Amino acid sequence: MAGVEISDLGEQYSFGSRVSGVTWDNIHDEGLRGDLQRLFIDRGLIVFQDMEPSPRMQVEVSKIFGPLKDHPTKSTPRADPSLDPGIIDMHRLPQEDTGRIHGQTELNGKMVVSFIPWHFDHSYNDELNYAGVLRSVIKAPVDGRTGFADGIEIYKALDPAIAEKIADLSAIYTLDTRISSMRFGRNFTTSWDSENQAGLIAEAAIFPRAIHPMIWQRPTGEKVAHFCGFSAVGIEGHEDAEGEAIFEEALQDMYRKVNPYWHDWQPTDMVIWDNHRMLHAVEGCDPKYERQMHRTTIKGDYGLGRFEGGKKIGEVNRAVPPLRLPEVA
């Protein structure tokens, strides 16, 4: 890989690499693309540095690792459907703190927006995407980092008794991804919904519940701890007090053992992570800051997820809790 430099994230991590030197001059080189694919399988996370900060480059980097997949929910904004249907736009405009900010969470004693706890993407779907590529368009000047944690590391660090309990269990997830609705693994005090989540609630009512194993084994042999409290409603076949206690115990042990890499965004960074292996999170930022991220999604299911009862989208109609909005003084 002439002109391309690779380094590990740091000696404290068993995952992740930094790559610089990928440009339009070499991005279509088949040898380079093959090397990057193998690096990704091995390390699970690549931080591309000094990249051209454009949607076109983000799409091309993504295609190194597989074909793009459109987001499964229609309510999720797209960056530019006419040009790049694979890019979703996560844009948070600055808000004046009036005490009634939508989408706000109290975390570690301060109120933040854009906070998302540890999770894997598309948990609510029967098919998981292979990977995601993130780019920061507008960075919050303080906080707003994205965290990544390796499921292989987490599995090795779990209490052996807990790992044995959940070895053959599967978690149930729904499309209700609101922070305020989280039942398990809450590490925050309060949360208010965003007003723009009405579309999500409507879609959540027709989505079947999705089921994914809490532990799975990669073709390369490593076992992966792959579960989260975000959008989870319980354990399959164990939706009782005992099952809830097992799930919460496993989540709290994961929180104690997680060894996260927190990425402080630069405008020329692009980060790809293995969604079958990694968990990720957003630490949140002050409501007064604008923050905008673009993400592409890469196809490639691991084949272990399914919808409950073999149902399809639209075959169910369930009640979803209403929006939890700040009270008007």
Protein backbone atom coordinates (compact mmCIF):
# COMPACT_ATOMS: atom_id res chain seq x y z
CA MET A 1 0.00 0.00 0.00
CA ALA A 2 2.42 2.63 -1.27
CA GLY A 3 1.71 6.06 0.18
CA VAL A 4 -0.83 4.65 2.67
CA GLU A 5 0.09 4.60 6.36
CA ILE A 6 -1.52 2.30 8.93
CA SER A 7 -1.20 2.38 12.71
CA ASP A 8 -3.08 0.89 15.66
CA LEU A 9 -5.42 3.06 17.72
CA GLY A 10 -3.25 2.51 20.78
CA GLU A 11 -1.77 -0.21 22.95
CA GLN A 12 -4.81 -0.06 25.26
CA TYR A 13 -7.04 -1.36 22.44
CA SER A 14 -7.09 -4.79 20.81
CA PHE A 15 -9.18 -3.35 17.97
CA GLY A 16 -9.11 -0.46 15.52
CA SER A 17 -6.59 1.09 13.13
CA ARG A 18 -5.83 4.51 11.69
CA VAL A 19 -5.31 4.83 7.95
CA SER A 20 -4.05 7.88 6.06
CA GLY A 21 -3.09 8.41 2.43
CA VAL A 22 -6.29 7.20 0.73
CA THR A 23 -7.07 9.63 -2.12
CA TRP A 24 -8.84 9.67 -5.47
CA ASP A 25 -5.51 8.61 -7.00
CA ASN A 26 -5.49 5.20 -5.29
CA ILE A 27 -8.99 4.51 -3.97
CA HIS A 28 -9.90 2.33 -6.95
CA ASP A 29 -6.74 0.23 -6.74
CA GLU A 30 -7.93 -3.35 -6.25
CA GLY A 31 -4.89 -4.31 -4.19
CA LEU A 32 -5.45 -1.45 -1.78
CA ARG A 33 -9.15 -2.19 -1.50
CA GLY A 34 -8.44 -5.84 -0.71
CA ASP A 35 -5.89 -4.87 1.94
CA LEU A 36 -8.38 -2.50 3.57
CA GLN A 37 -11.09 -5.17 3.56
CA ARG A 38 -8.79 -7.63 5.33
CA LEU A 39 -7.65 -4.96 7.81
CA PHE A 40 -11.29 -4.23 8.62
CA ILE A 41 -12.12 -7.90 9.26
CA ASP A 42 -9.15 -8.11 11.62
CA ARG A 43 -9.52 -4.80 13.49
CA GLY A 44 -13.27 -4.08 13.34
CA LEU A 45 -12.80 -0.29 13.14
CA ILE A 46 -10.85 1.98 10.78
CA VAL A 47 -10.34 5.71 11.27
CA PHE A 48 -9.60 7.21 7.86
CA GLN A 49 -7.70 10.47 8.29
CA ASP A 50 -6.99 13.40 5.96
CA MET A 51 -9.82 12.47 3.61
CA GLU A 52 -11.55 14.78 1.14
CA PRO A 53 -14.60 15.86 3.21
CA SER A 54 -17.31 15.25 0.62
CA PRO A 55 -20.39 13.01 0.26
CA ARG A 56 -18.90 11.58 -2.93
CA MET A 57 -15.72 10.45 -1.14
CA GLN A 58 -17.75 9.04 1.77
CA VAL A 59 -19.80 6.94 -0.64
CA GLU A 60 -16.67 5.68 -2.43
CA VAL A 61 -14.93 4.73 0.82
CA SER A 62 -18.08 2.89 1.88
CA LYS A 63 -18.20 0.91 -1.37
CA ILE A 64 -14.76 -0.55 -0.65
CA PHE A 65 -16.46 -2.71 1.98
CA GLY A 66 -19.69 -3.57 0.21
CA PRO A 67 -22.77 -2.16 -1.53
CA LEU A 68 -24.69 0.63 0.15
CA LYS A 69 -27.99 -0.05 1.90
CA ASP A 70 -30.70 2.55 2.33
CA HIS A 71 -31.96 3.13 5.86
CA PRO A 72 -34.96 0.90 6.72
CA THR A 73 -37.08 3.70 8.20
CA LYS A 74 -38.69 6.34 5.99
CA SER A 75 -38.80 8.89 8.84
CA THR A 76 -34.98 9.14 8.95
CA PRO A 77 -33.78 12.24 7.03
CA ARG A 78 -31.58 11.72 3.97
CA ALA A 79 -28.70 14.07 3.19
CA ASP A 80 -29.53 14.37 -0.51
CA PRO A 81 -31.86 11.70 -1.89
CA SER A 82 -31.32 12.86 -5.45
CA LEU A 83 -27.55 12.37 -5.33
CA ASP A 84 -26.67 9.99 -2.52
CA PRO A 85 -29.67 7.98 -1.29
CA GLY A 86 -27.34 5.97 0.95
CA ILE A 87 -26.38 8.95 3.14
CA ILE A 88 -28.56 9.77 6.13
CA ASP A 89 -28.42 13.18 7.76
CA MET A 90 -28.28 13.48 11.55
CA HIS A 91 -28.53 17.22 12.10
CA ARG A 92 -29.12 18.89 15.44
CA LEU A 93 -29.65 22.66 15.31
CA PRO A 94 -28.65 24.80 18.31
CA GLN A 95 -31.40 25.37 20.87
CA GLU A 96 -31.75 28.07 23.48
CA ASP A 97 -32.02 26.57 26.96
CA THR A 98 -35.52 27.51 28.11
CA GLY A 99 -35.87 24.46 30.34
CA ARG A 100 -38.13 22.83 27.71
CA ILE A 101 -35.67 21.44 25.19
CA HIS A 102 -36.87 18.46 23.20
CA GLY A 103 -34.57 15.48 22.81
CA GLN A 104 -32.66 16.40 25.98
CA THR A 105 -31.14 13.93 28.46
CA GLU A 106 -29.70 14.44 31.94
CA LEU A 107 -26.37 12.63 31.94
CA ASN A 108 -23.76 12.79 34.71
CA GLY A 109 -25.44 15.86 36.20
CA LYS A 110 -25.74 17.91 33.01
CA MET A 111 -28.34 18.27 30.29
CA VAL A 112 -27.23 17.20 26.81
CA VAL A 113 -28.69 16.54 23.37
CA SER A 114 -27.62 14.01 20.71
CA PHE A 115 -26.83 11.45 23.43
CA ILE A 116 -27.20 7.81 22.34
CA PRO A 117 -26.23 4.96 24.70
CA TRP A 118 -24.25 1.87 23.68
CA HIS A 119 -26.01 0.07 20.84
CA PHE A 120 -25.64 -1.65 17.50
CA ASP A 121 -27.44 -0.33 14.42
CA HIS A 122 -30.69 -1.83 13.12
CA SER A 123 -31.21 -3.98 16.22
CA TYR A 124 -34.94 -3.54 15.52
CA ASN A 125 -34.59 -5.17 12.07
CA ASP A 126 -34.32 -8.85 11.17
CA GLU A 127 -31.23 -8.07 9.07
CA LEU A 128 -28.24 -6.19 10.45
CA ASN A 129 -26.14 -4.01 8.20
CA TYR A 130 -22.49 -5.07 7.93
CA ALA A 131 -21.00 -1.69 8.70
CA GLY A 132 -21.52 2.05 8.91
CA VAL A 133 -19.34 4.97 7.85
CA LEU A 134 -19.60 8.25 9.76
CA ARG A 135 -18.39 11.72 8.84
CA SER A 136 -18.68 14.89 10.89
CA VAL A 137 -20.11 17.78 8.85
CA ILE A 138 -20.53 20.20 11.75
CA LYS A 139 -18.69 19.40 14.98
CA ALA A 140 -19.86 20.55 18.40
CA PRO A 141 -16.96 22.62 19.82
CA VAL A 142 -17.20 20.76 23.14
CA ASP A 143 -18.10 17.08 23.59
CA GLY A 144 -20.15 15.34 20.88
CA ARG A 145 -17.64 12.50 20.47
CA THR A 146 -18.59 9.06 19.17
CA GLY A 147 -17.53 6.02 21.18
CA PHE A 148 -16.74 2.54 19.90
CA ALA A 149 -16.37 -0.68 21.92
CA ASP A 150 -15.37 -4.14 20.72
CA GLY A 151 -17.74 -7.04 21.38
CA ILE A 152 -14.84 -9.49 21.29
CA GLU A 153 -13.10 -7.59 24.09
CA ILE A 154 -16.37 -7.32 26.01
CA TYR A 155 -17.03 -11.07 25.79
CA LYS A 156 -13.55 -11.88 27.12
CA ALA A 157 -14.01 -9.41 30.00
CA LEU A 158 -17.51 -10.50 31.07
CA ASP A 159 -17.94 -12.29 34.38
CA PRO A 160 -17.78 -15.99 33.34
CA ALA A 161 -20.96 -16.77 35.29
CA ILE A 162 -22.84 -14.04 33.44
CA ALA A 163 -21.41 -15.10 30.08
CA GLU A 164 -22.64 -18.63 30.77
CA LYS A 165 -26.15 -17.40 31.67
CA ILE A 166 -26.61 -15.52 28.40
CA ALA A 167 -24.64 -17.87 26.12
CA ASP A 168 -27.75 -19.28 24.44
CA LEU A 169 -30.16 -16.37 25.01
CA SER A 170 -31.54 -13.89 22.49
CA ALA A 171 -32.71 -10.34 23.15
CA ILE A 172 -35.88 -8.78 21.76
CA TYR A 173 -35.73 -5.29 20.22
CA THR A 174 -38.34 -2.90 18.82
CA LEU A 175 -38.24 0.11 16.53
CA ASP A 176 -39.04 2.36 19.49
CA THR A 177 -35.51 3.76 19.79
CA ARG A 178 -36.42 6.73 21.96
CA ILE A 179 -34.07 7.23 24.90
CA SER A 180 -37.05 8.00 27.12
CA SER A 181 -38.48 4.53 26.45
CA MET A 182 -35.39 2.55 27.49
CA ARG A 183 -36.24 -0.18 30.02
CA PHE A 184 -32.79 -1.71 30.55
CA GLY A 185 -29.30 -0.37 31.15
CA ARG A 186 -30.35 3.20 31.85
CA ASN A 187 -27.25 5.17 32.90
CA PHE A 188 -28.95 8.55 32.76
CA THR A 189 -31.57 10.29 34.90
CA THR A 190 -34.24 11.70 32.63
CA SER A 191 -34.92 12.15 28.94
CA TRP A 192 -37.41 14.11 26.85
CA ASP A 193 -38.47 13.07 23.37
CA SER A 194 -37.86 15.16 20.27
CA GLU A 195 -40.96 16.56 18.61
CA ASN A 196 -39.76 15.17 15.27
CA GLN A 197 -40.10 11.57 16.50
CA ALA A 198 -43.80 11.32 15.65
CA GLY A 199 -42.90 9.58 12.38
CA LEU A 200 -40.79 7.04 14.28
CA ILE A 201 -43.71 6.22 16.59
CA ALA A 202 -46.00 5.63 13.63
CA GLU A 203 -43.50 3.25 12.04
CA ALA A 204 -42.77 1.49 15.34
CA ALA A 205 -46.42 0.48 15.57
CA ILE A 206 -46.18 -1.67 12.42
CA PHE A 207 -42.71 -3.17 12.95
CA PRO A 208 -42.56 -6.74 14.33
CA ARG A 209 -40.24 -7.33 17.27
CA ALA A 210 -36.73 -8.36 16.17
CA ILE A 211 -34.68 -11.06 17.87
CA HIS A 212 -30.86 -11.27 17.97
CA PRO A 213 -28.48 -13.52 19.95
CA MET A 214 -26.73 -11.91 22.91
CA ILE A 215 -23.57 -13.91 22.14
CA TRP A 216 -22.54 -15.10 18.69
CA GLN A 217 -19.42 -16.64 17.16
CA ARG A 218 -17.66 -15.20 14.13
CA PRO A 219 -16.53 -17.43 11.25
CA THR A 220 -12.98 -16.62 12.41
CA GLY A 221 -13.78 -18.27 15.77
CA GLU A 222 -14.06 -15.35 18.18
CA LYS A 223 -17.13 -15.04 20.39
CA VAL A 224 -18.82 -11.63 20.44
CA ALA A 225 -20.94 -10.04 23.17
CA HIS A 226 -23.55 -8.19 21.11
CA PHE A 227 -26.45 -6.81 23.12
CA CYS A 228 -27.68 -3.45 24.33
CA GLY A 229 -30.43 -1.79 26.35
CA PHE A 230 -31.25 0.66 23.56
CA SER A 231 -34.63 -0.41 22.04
CA ALA A 232 -34.54 -3.72 23.97
CA VAL A 233 -37.69 -5.03 25.65
CA GLY A 234 -36.46 -8.30 27.13
CA ILE A 235 -35.13 -11.80 26.54
CA GLU A 236 -36.91 -14.21 24.21
CA GLY A 237 -38.86 -16.84 26.13
CA HIS A 238 -37.98 -15.13 29.40
CA GLU A 239 -40.14 -12.00 29.56
CA ASP A 240 -40.50 -12.21 33.31
CA ALA A 241 -38.82 -10.81 36.39
CA GLU A 242 -36.03 -13.37 36.26
CA GLY A 243 -35.30 -12.68 32.60
CA GLU A 244 -35.30 -8.94 33.18
CA ALA A 245 -32.84 -9.38 36.06
CA ILE A 246 -30.51 -11.46 33.86
CA PHE A 247 -30.60 -8.84 31.10
CA GLU A 248 -29.93 -5.97 33.49
CA GLU A 249 -27.12 -7.88 35.21
CA ALA A 250 -25.44 -8.54 31.87
CA LEU A 251 -25.76 -4.91 30.78
CA GLN A 252 -24.32 -3.56 34.02
CA ASP A 253 -21.38 -5.97 33.81
CA MET A 254 -20.80 -4.85 30.23
CA TYR A 255 -20.79 -1.20 31.34
CA ARG A 256 -18.16 -2.03 33.98
CA LYS A 257 -15.93 -3.92 31.56
CA VAL A 258 -16.28 -1.85 28.37
CA ASN A 259 -13.01 -0.37 27.05
CA PRO A 260 -14.23 2.40 24.76
CA TYR A 261 -12.39 4.39 22.12
CA TRP A 262 -13.89 7.89 21.99
CA HIS A 263 -13.34 9.59 18.65
CA ASP A 264 -12.86 13.36 18.68
CA TRP A 265 -13.97 14.36 15.21
CA GLN A 266 -11.96 16.28 12.63
CA PRO A 267 -13.60 17.47 9.39
CA THR A 268 -11.38 15.19 7.27
CA ASP A 269 -12.11 12.01 9.28
CA MET A 270 -14.26 9.10 8.17
CA VAL A 271 -14.82 6.16 10.53
CA ILE A 272 -16.07 2.71 9.59
CA TRP A 273 -17.06 0.10 12.19
CA ASP A 274 -18.20 -3.52 12.01
CA ASN A 275 -21.82 -3.46 13.14
CA HIS A 276 -21.85 -7.22 13.78
CA ARG A 277 -18.97 -6.87 16.24
CA MET A 278 -18.80 -3.34 17.64
CA LEU A 279 -21.07 -1.27 19.84
CA HIS A 280 -21.08 2.49 19.52
CA ALA A 281 -22.45 5.48 21.43
CA VAL A 282 -22.63 9.29 21.33
CA GLU A 283 -21.66 11.19 24.46
CA GLY A 284 -23.99 14.13 23.74
CA CYS A 285 -23.28 17.86 23.77
CA ASP A 286 -24.68 21.14 25.05
CA PRO A 287 -28.01 22.09 23.40
CA LYS A 288 -26.55 25.46 22.34
CA TYR A 289 -24.20 23.72 19.86
CA GLU A 290 -25.04 22.66 16.33
CA ARG A 291 -23.97 19.13 15.39
CA GLN A 292 -24.35 17.38 12.03
CA MET A 293 -23.22 13.89 11.05
CA HIS A 294 -23.55 12.01 7.75
CA ARG A 295 -23.70 8.22 7.73
CA THR A 296 -23.69 5.57 5.06
CA THR A 297 -24.86 2.02 5.68
CA ILE A 298 -23.22 -1.06 4.12
CA LYS A 299 -25.14 -4.24 3.29
CA GLY A 300 -24.09 -7.64 4.61
CA ASP A 301 -26.18 -9.49 7.16
CA TYR A 302 -24.74 -12.01 9.66
CA GLY A 303 -27.79 -14.26 9.24
CA LEU A 304 -28.74 -14.69 12.91
CA GLY A 305 -31.54 -12.15 13.37
CA ARG A 306 -35.25 -12.65 12.70
CA PHE A 307 -38.63 -11.11 13.23
CA GLU A 308 -40.73 -12.68 15.98
CA GLY A 309 -43.12 -15.31 14.71
CA GLY A 310 -41.84 -14.98 11.15
CA LYS A 311 -43.88 -11.79 10.73
CA LYS A 312 -43.11 -9.06 8.21
CA ILE A 313 -43.24 -5.29 8.49
CA GLY A 314 -46.85 -4.15 8.45
CA GLU A 315 -48.28 -7.42 9.80
CA VAL A 316 -48.53 -6.10 13.35
CA ASN A 317 -50.15 -3.07 14.90
CA ARG A 318 -49.13 -2.40 18.48
CA ALA A 319 -49.58 0.48 20.86
CA VAL A 320 -46.48 2.65 21.32
CA PRO A 321 -46.11 5.01 24.30
CA PRO A 322 -46.83 8.65 23.38
CA LEU A 323 -44.15 11.30 23.07
CA ARG A 324 -42.75 12.43 26.41
CA LEU A 325 -42.39 16.18 25.97
CA PRO A 326 -41.22 18.79 28.49
CA GLU A 327 -44.02 20.29 30.53
CA VAL A 328 -44.98 23.85 29.70
CA ALA A 329 -44.41 26.12 32.70
